[in-house]
Protein backbone atom coordinates (compact mmCIF):
# COMPACT_ATOMS: atom_id res chain seq x y z
CA MET A 1 36.67 87.62 -82.50
CA PRO A 2 33.12 88.54 -81.32
CA ILE A 3 32.49 88.49 -77.56
CA GLU A 4 29.64 86.00 -78.04
CA LEU A 5 32.05 83.57 -79.70
CA ILE A 6 34.61 84.02 -76.91
CA ILE A 7 31.91 83.22 -74.32
CA VAL A 8 30.87 80.05 -76.16
CA ILE A 9 34.49 78.88 -76.45
CA ALA A 10 34.97 79.56 -72.72
CA LEU A 11 31.84 77.50 -71.92
CA ALA A 12 33.10 74.68 -74.16
CA LEU A 13 36.44 74.63 -72.35
CA ALA A 14 34.65 74.71 -68.98
CA PHE A 15 32.65 71.66 -70.10
CA ASP A 16 35.92 70.06 -71.24
CA PHE A 17 37.56 70.75 -67.87
CA LEU A 18 34.60 69.32 -65.91
CA ASN A 19 34.53 66.32 -68.23
CA GLY A 20 38.17 65.58 -67.41
CA MET A 21 37.68 66.17 -63.68
CA ARG A 22 34.64 63.88 -63.52
CA ASP A 23 35.98 61.16 -65.80
CA ALA A 24 39.39 60.97 -64.14
CA SER A 25 37.67 58.67 -61.67
CA ASN A 26 36.92 56.16 -64.41
CA ILE A 27 40.61 55.87 -65.25
CA VAL A 28 42.19 55.86 -61.81
CA ALA A 29 39.56 54.39 -59.48
CA THR A 30 40.46 50.75 -60.01
CA MET A 31 44.22 51.55 -59.94
CA ILE A 32 43.85 53.20 -56.54
CA SER A 33 41.41 50.65 -55.10
CA SER A 34 43.62 47.73 -56.15
CA ARG A 35 46.60 49.52 -54.53
CA ALA A 36 48.57 49.33 -57.77
CA PHE A 37 49.55 53.02 -57.57
CA SER A 38 49.16 55.98 -55.25
CA PRO A 39 46.45 58.53 -56.13
CA ALA A 40 49.08 61.08 -57.26
CA THR A 41 50.82 58.58 -59.57
CA ALA A 42 47.51 57.31 -60.96
CA LEU A 43 46.30 60.82 -61.76
CA GLY A 44 49.68 61.67 -63.30
CA ILE A 45 49.43 58.72 -65.69
CA ALA A 46 45.85 59.65 -66.57
CA THR A 47 46.73 63.31 -67.19
CA VAL A 48 49.54 62.46 -69.62
CA GLY A 49 47.32 60.05 -71.54
CA GLU A 50 44.43 62.51 -71.70
CA PHE A 51 46.63 65.18 -73.25
CA ILE A 52 48.21 62.85 -75.81
CA GLY A 53 44.98 61.17 -76.94
CA PRO A 54 43.37 64.05 -78.89
CA PHE A 55 46.37 64.29 -81.23
CA LEU A 56 46.40 60.61 -82.24
CA PHE A 57 43.05 59.38 -83.52
CA GLY A 58 41.57 61.93 -85.89
CA VAL A 59 38.39 63.99 -85.55
CA ALA A 60 35.61 61.54 -86.50
CA VAL A 61 33.78 62.06 -83.19
CA ALA A 62 34.12 65.85 -83.52
CA ARG A 63 32.38 65.65 -86.90
CA THR A 64 29.55 63.61 -85.41
CA ILE A 65 29.01 66.28 -82.74
CA GLY A 66 29.36 69.21 -85.13
CA GLU A 67 27.48 67.91 -88.16
CA ASP A 68 25.25 64.92 -87.39
CA ILE A 69 23.01 65.94 -84.46
CA ALA A 70 20.91 68.68 -86.09
CA ALA A 71 20.66 70.71 -89.28
CA SER A 72 23.60 73.10 -89.32
CA GLU A 73 21.51 76.12 -90.32
CA VAL A 74 19.55 76.10 -87.04
CA PHE A 75 22.64 76.49 -84.86
CA THR A 76 23.43 79.88 -83.37
CA LEU A 77 26.02 80.87 -80.80
CA GLY A 78 23.20 81.37 -78.28
CA LEU A 79 21.85 77.87 -78.94
CA ILE A 80 25.29 76.30 -78.47
CA ALA A 81 25.76 78.29 -75.25
CA ALA A 82 22.42 76.99 -73.94
CA ALA A 83 23.37 73.40 -74.84
CA LEU A 84 26.70 73.74 -73.02
CA ILE A 85 25.07 75.28 -69.95
CA GLY A 86 22.55 72.43 -69.85
CA ALA A 87 25.34 69.84 -70.05
CA ILE A 88 27.49 71.62 -67.46
CA LEU A 89 24.62 71.96 -64.96
CA TRP A 90 23.67 68.30 -65.32
CA ASN A 91 27.31 67.28 -64.88
CA LEU A 92 27.47 69.31 -61.67
CA ILE A 93 24.26 67.73 -60.38
CA THR A 94 25.49 64.18 -60.97
CA TRP A 95 28.92 65.11 -59.56
CA TYR A 96 27.29 66.41 -56.37
CA PHE A 97 25.46 63.11 -55.85
CA GLY A 98 28.51 61.04 -56.80
CA LEU A 99 26.87 59.40 -59.81
CA PRO A 100 29.07 58.63 -62.86
CA GLY A 101 26.72 60.15 -65.40
CA SER A 102 27.73 60.67 -69.00
CA SER A 103 29.23 64.02 -70.04
CA SER A 104 28.95 62.89 -73.67
CA HIS A 105 25.25 62.28 -73.51
CA ALA A 106 24.67 65.38 -71.40
CA LEU A 107 26.11 67.39 -74.29
CA ILE A 108 23.99 65.54 -76.85
CA GLY A 109 20.89 66.06 -74.70
CA GLY A 110 21.68 69.74 -74.32
CA MET A 111 22.05 70.20 -78.07
CA VAL A 112 18.83 68.35 -78.83
CA GLY A 113 16.86 70.24 -76.16
CA ALA A 114 17.96 73.66 -77.37
CA VAL A 115 17.37 72.76 -81.04
CA LEU A 116 13.83 71.57 -80.27
CA VAL A 117 12.95 74.93 -78.71
CA ARG A 118 14.46 76.91 -81.57
CA ALA A 119 13.43 74.91 -84.65
CA GLY A 120 11.27 71.96 -83.65
CA LEU A 121 11.52 68.25 -84.26
CA GLY A 122 12.16 68.58 -88.00
CA ALA A 123 15.61 70.09 -87.39
CA ILE A 124 16.90 67.01 -85.60
CA ARG A 125 19.03 64.63 -87.68
CA PHE A 126 17.71 61.34 -86.40
CA ALA A 127 20.38 59.27 -88.12
CA GLY A 128 23.10 60.98 -86.09
CA VAL A 129 21.11 60.97 -82.85
CA SER A 130 20.21 57.30 -83.31
CA LYS A 131 23.93 56.49 -83.70
CA VAL A 132 24.54 58.07 -80.32
CA VAL A 133 21.55 56.33 -78.71
CA ILE A 134 22.61 52.95 -80.12
CA ALA A 135 26.06 53.53 -78.65
CA LEU A 136 24.38 54.40 -75.34
CA VAL A 137 22.73 50.99 -75.30
CA VAL A 138 25.38 48.84 -76.98
CA SER A 139 28.67 50.08 -75.48
CA PRO A 140 27.85 49.04 -71.88
CA VAL A 141 26.75 45.61 -73.11
CA ILE A 142 29.98 45.21 -75.06
CA GLY A 143 31.98 46.39 -72.05
CA PHE A 144 30.26 43.84 -69.81
CA VAL A 145 30.71 40.94 -72.25
CA ILE A 146 34.36 41.68 -73.04
CA GLY A 147 35.16 42.22 -69.36
CA PHE A 148 33.49 38.92 -68.45
CA LEU A 149 35.19 36.90 -71.19
CA LEU A 150 38.60 38.53 -70.73
CA THR A 151 38.55 37.82 -67.00
CA ARG A 152 37.60 34.20 -67.54
CA LEU A 153 40.49 33.91 -70.03
CA ILE A 154 42.93 35.49 -67.58
CA TYR A 155 41.87 33.13 -64.81
CA PHE A 156 42.41 30.21 -67.17
CA LEU A 157 45.87 31.44 -68.20
CA VAL A 158 47.09 32.05 -64.64
CA ARG A 159 45.59 28.93 -63.07
CA GLY A 160 48.09 27.46 -60.66
CA ALA A 161 50.19 30.66 -60.58
CA SER A 162 51.65 31.82 -57.28
CA PRO A 163 50.45 35.00 -55.52
CA ARG A 164 53.42 36.77 -57.13
CA ILE A 165 51.26 37.08 -60.26
CA ASN A 166 49.59 40.04 -58.53
CA GLY A 167 52.84 41.94 -58.98
CA PHE A 168 52.53 41.50 -62.74
CA PHE A 169 48.95 42.81 -62.77
CA LYS A 170 49.97 45.81 -60.65
CA ARG A 171 52.91 46.76 -62.88
CA SER A 172 50.96 46.15 -66.09
CA GLN A 173 48.43 48.78 -65.11
CA MET A 174 51.02 51.42 -65.94
CA VAL A 175 50.44 50.46 -69.59
CA THR A 176 46.72 49.64 -69.52
CA ALA A 177 45.83 52.81 -67.59
CA LEU A 178 47.86 54.96 -69.99
CA VAL A 179 46.14 53.35 -72.99
CA MET A 180 42.74 53.88 -71.38
CA ALA A 181 43.55 57.55 -70.71
CA VAL A 182 44.68 58.00 -74.32
CA SER A 183 41.47 56.38 -75.56
CA HIS A 184 39.35 58.59 -73.33
CA GLY A 185 41.20 61.73 -74.39
CA SER A 186 40.79 60.76 -78.04
CA ASN A 187 37.02 60.32 -77.67
CA ASP A 188 35.85 62.85 -75.11
CA SER A 189 37.97 65.86 -76.08
CA GLN A 190 36.60 65.55 -79.60
CA LYS A 191 33.18 66.61 -78.30
CA THR A 192 34.72 69.92 -77.25
CA MET A 193 36.58 70.16 -80.57
CA GLY A 194 33.31 69.66 -82.42
CA VAL A 195 31.48 72.35 -80.44
CA ILE A 196 34.29 74.92 -80.75
CA THR A 197 34.76 74.28 -84.48
CA LEU A 198 31.01 74.55 -85.12
CA SER A 199 31.02 77.84 -83.19
CA LEU A 200 33.93 79.14 -85.27
CA VAL A 201 32.00 78.33 -88.45
CA ILE A 202 28.88 80.09 -87.14
CA GLY A 203 30.96 83.07 -86.03
CA GLY A 204 32.49 83.42 -89.49
CA VAL A 205 36.04 82.61 -88.38
CA LEU A 206 36.17 79.36 -90.38
CA PRO A 207 34.66 78.86 -93.85
CA SER A 208 33.87 75.17 -93.26
CA PHE A 209 33.98 72.48 -90.58
CA GLN A 210 37.71 71.77 -90.36
CA VAL A 211 39.18 71.36 -86.87
CA PRO A 212 42.21 73.70 -86.44
CA THR A 213 45.30 72.45 -84.62
CA TRP A 214 44.93 75.08 -81.89
CA VAL A 215 41.42 73.77 -81.13
CA VAL A 216 42.86 70.27 -80.71
CA ALA A 217 45.54 71.67 -78.40
CA VAL A 218 43.26 73.71 -76.13
CA SER A 219 40.75 70.85 -75.94
CA ALA A 220 43.54 68.44 -74.98
CA ALA A 221 44.82 70.87 -72.35
CA GLY A 222 41.36 71.46 -70.87
CA ILE A 223 40.55 67.79 -70.37
CA ALA A 224 44.07 67.05 -69.09
CA ILE A 225 43.94 69.83 -66.47
CA GLY A 226 40.53 68.61 -65.31
CA THR A 227 41.85 65.08 -65.08
CA SER A 228 44.81 66.19 -62.97
CA LEU A 229 42.39 67.43 -60.29
CA GLY A 230 40.48 64.15 -60.17
CA GLY A 231 36.89 63.43 -59.17
CA TRP A 232 36.94 61.86 -55.75
CA ARG A 233 33.20 61.31 -55.34
CA MET A 234 33.10 59.09 -58.44
CA ILE A 235 36.39 57.41 -57.49
CA ARG A 236 34.70 56.14 -54.33
CA THR A 237 31.66 54.94 -56.31
CA LEU A 238 33.61 53.14 -59.02
CA GLY A 239 36.50 51.97 -56.89
CA GLY A 240 34.80 50.55 -53.85
CA LYS A 241 31.04 50.24 -53.99
CA PHE A 242 30.76 47.47 -56.60
CA TYR A 243 33.04 44.97 -54.85
CA LYS A 244 36.59 44.74 -53.46
CA ILE A 245 38.79 45.33 -56.50
CA ARG A 246 42.09 43.47 -56.77
CA PRO A 247 44.93 44.02 -59.30
CA LEU A 248 43.57 41.41 -61.71
CA HIS A 249 40.15 43.11 -61.75
CA SER A 250 41.72 46.51 -62.40
CA PHE A 251 43.94 45.19 -65.20
CA ALA A 252 41.01 43.47 -66.95
CA THR A 253 38.74 46.50 -66.54
CA GLN A 254 41.28 48.89 -68.04
CA LEU A 255 42.11 46.62 -70.97
CA THR A 256 38.41 46.12 -71.72
CA SER A 257 37.53 49.80 -71.46
CA ALA A 258 40.45 50.96 -73.61
CA SER A 259 39.51 48.51 -76.38
CA VAL A 260 35.87 49.61 -76.50
CA ILE A 261 36.60 53.36 -76.36
CA LEU A 262 39.36 53.29 -78.98
CA ALA A 263 37.12 51.36 -81.37
CA ALA A 264 34.36 53.94 -80.82
CA SER A 265 36.75 56.82 -81.52
CA LEU A 266 37.87 55.29 -84.81
CA PHE A 267 34.24 54.84 -85.91
CA GLY A 268 33.26 58.37 -84.86
CA VAL A 269 30.89 57.25 -82.09
CA PRO A 270 30.77 59.45 -78.95
CA VAL A 271 30.54 56.91 -76.11
CA SER A 272 30.57 57.47 -72.36
CA ILE A 273 33.64 56.29 -70.51
CA SER A 274 31.64 56.05 -67.28
CA GLN A 275 29.22 53.63 -68.95
CA VAL A 276 31.99 51.53 -70.44
CA VAL A 277 34.09 51.38 -67.27
CA SER A 278 31.14 50.69 -64.98
CA SER A 279 29.87 47.87 -67.17
CA ALA A 280 33.40 46.47 -67.52
CA ILE A 281 33.80 46.47 -63.71
CA ILE A 282 30.53 44.56 -63.38
CA GLY A 283 31.51 42.12 -66.13
CA VAL A 284 34.91 41.49 -64.56
CA GLY A 285 33.40 40.92 -61.12
CA SER A 286 30.66 38.68 -62.49
CA ALA A 287 33.27 36.48 -64.19
CA GLU A 288 34.58 35.59 -60.76
CA ARG A 289 31.26 35.39 -58.92
CA ALA A 290 28.04 37.23 -59.78
CA SER A 291 27.03 37.42 -56.13
CA LYS A 292 30.08 39.54 -55.25
CA VAL A 293 28.78 42.50 -57.29
CA ARG A 294 26.64 45.02 -55.42
CA TRP A 295 23.94 45.27 -58.05
CA SER A 296 22.04 48.04 -56.23
CA VAL A 297 24.90 50.43 -57.05
CA ALA A 298 24.76 49.33 -60.69
CA GLU A 299 21.01 50.03 -60.75
CA ASP A 300 21.57 53.60 -59.51
CA ILE A 301 24.16 54.19 -62.24
CA VAL A 302 21.91 52.74 -64.96
CA THR A 303 19.15 55.10 -63.82
CA SER A 304 21.49 58.08 -64.19
CA TRP A 305 22.39 56.91 -67.70
CA LEU A 306 18.75 56.70 -68.76
CA ILE A 307 17.81 60.17 -67.55
CA THR A 308 20.93 62.05 -68.68
CA ILE A 309 19.81 62.94 -72.22
CA PRO A 310 16.26 64.04 -71.32
CA ALA A 311 17.37 65.84 -68.14
CA SER A 312 20.16 67.83 -69.78
CA GLY A 313 17.85 68.45 -72.75
CA ILE A 314 15.16 69.95 -70.50
CA ILE A 315 17.70 72.17 -68.73
CA ALA A 316 19.18 73.39 -72.02
CA ALA A 317 15.71 73.98 -73.48
CA GLY A 318 14.81 76.08 -70.44
CA VAL A 319 18.06 78.04 -70.66
CA TYR A 320 17.57 78.74 -74.37
CA TRP A 321 13.93 79.79 -73.85
CA LEU A 322 15.02 82.14 -71.07
CA MET A 323 17.80 83.61 -73.23
CA GLU A 324 15.38 84.20 -76.08
CA SER A 325 12.78 85.73 -73.76
CA LEU A 326 15.26 88.13 -72.20
CA GLY A 327 16.77 88.90 -75.59
CA GLY A 328 13.36 89.62 -77.03
């Protein structure tokens, strides 16, 4: 296997690891803040789900990443490396500032930015990119609406219940958190699968875009290991800065998020778990009382969403230009 291919695979797994470490917060933050489980237990549940997820729901998202963003003939191992570096650097920047930016859209932005430098606008497959952008806009809206409606339904169903109902919502999070982790693993690890498989095709190891089982396994392991280490900056943002989260809020948020992410995985749409979870948290809180949500935090997160694709694209474009200049 050529050294260039090994480097690209290593970068892809580094992105996968960081993705898991950052996005662990989205799975466990509400569990910890609602005092349903200890941090160690919450991360253990998330880690198991993240590893299982990639094996269960096919490779539709991986195909979107590998085939639908740009014309396949423009991709080189150097271009993919630049895209991954752009995504990794942007992830580190948002991690440092504690903003739950989107690893998914950082990768898309990195790919688009590097392709633009190498081949221009004509190489971009706008149908695939538009699918991602539509998901960027629609998935948070869906998360908010479902979270709002589900919470209203729950309040209706438990009206008149004693405080002991909180015990049910705490225990139930063992299931909802596991399902959410499985859904996240099924969606986000497929981005890494797509990048590695595309690299194997470019490197001549595979004759066509077919995801090998070992790629599924290493992608699952990478995101699971990252998840096990957690992302405490984002846990504080998601778990405490919106409003005081109680077991009912956490249960409703997890059920909402898992539903949206699983649906996206089945349709081959790479969505951002941070977007879905954040919007679900806001929807759940608004169902109780809109004034209880700290909307200034939500505005900061929305800003990070909007700049992720262009920012990671600019970084990747600069990295690819520098690589080409030094190579030339």
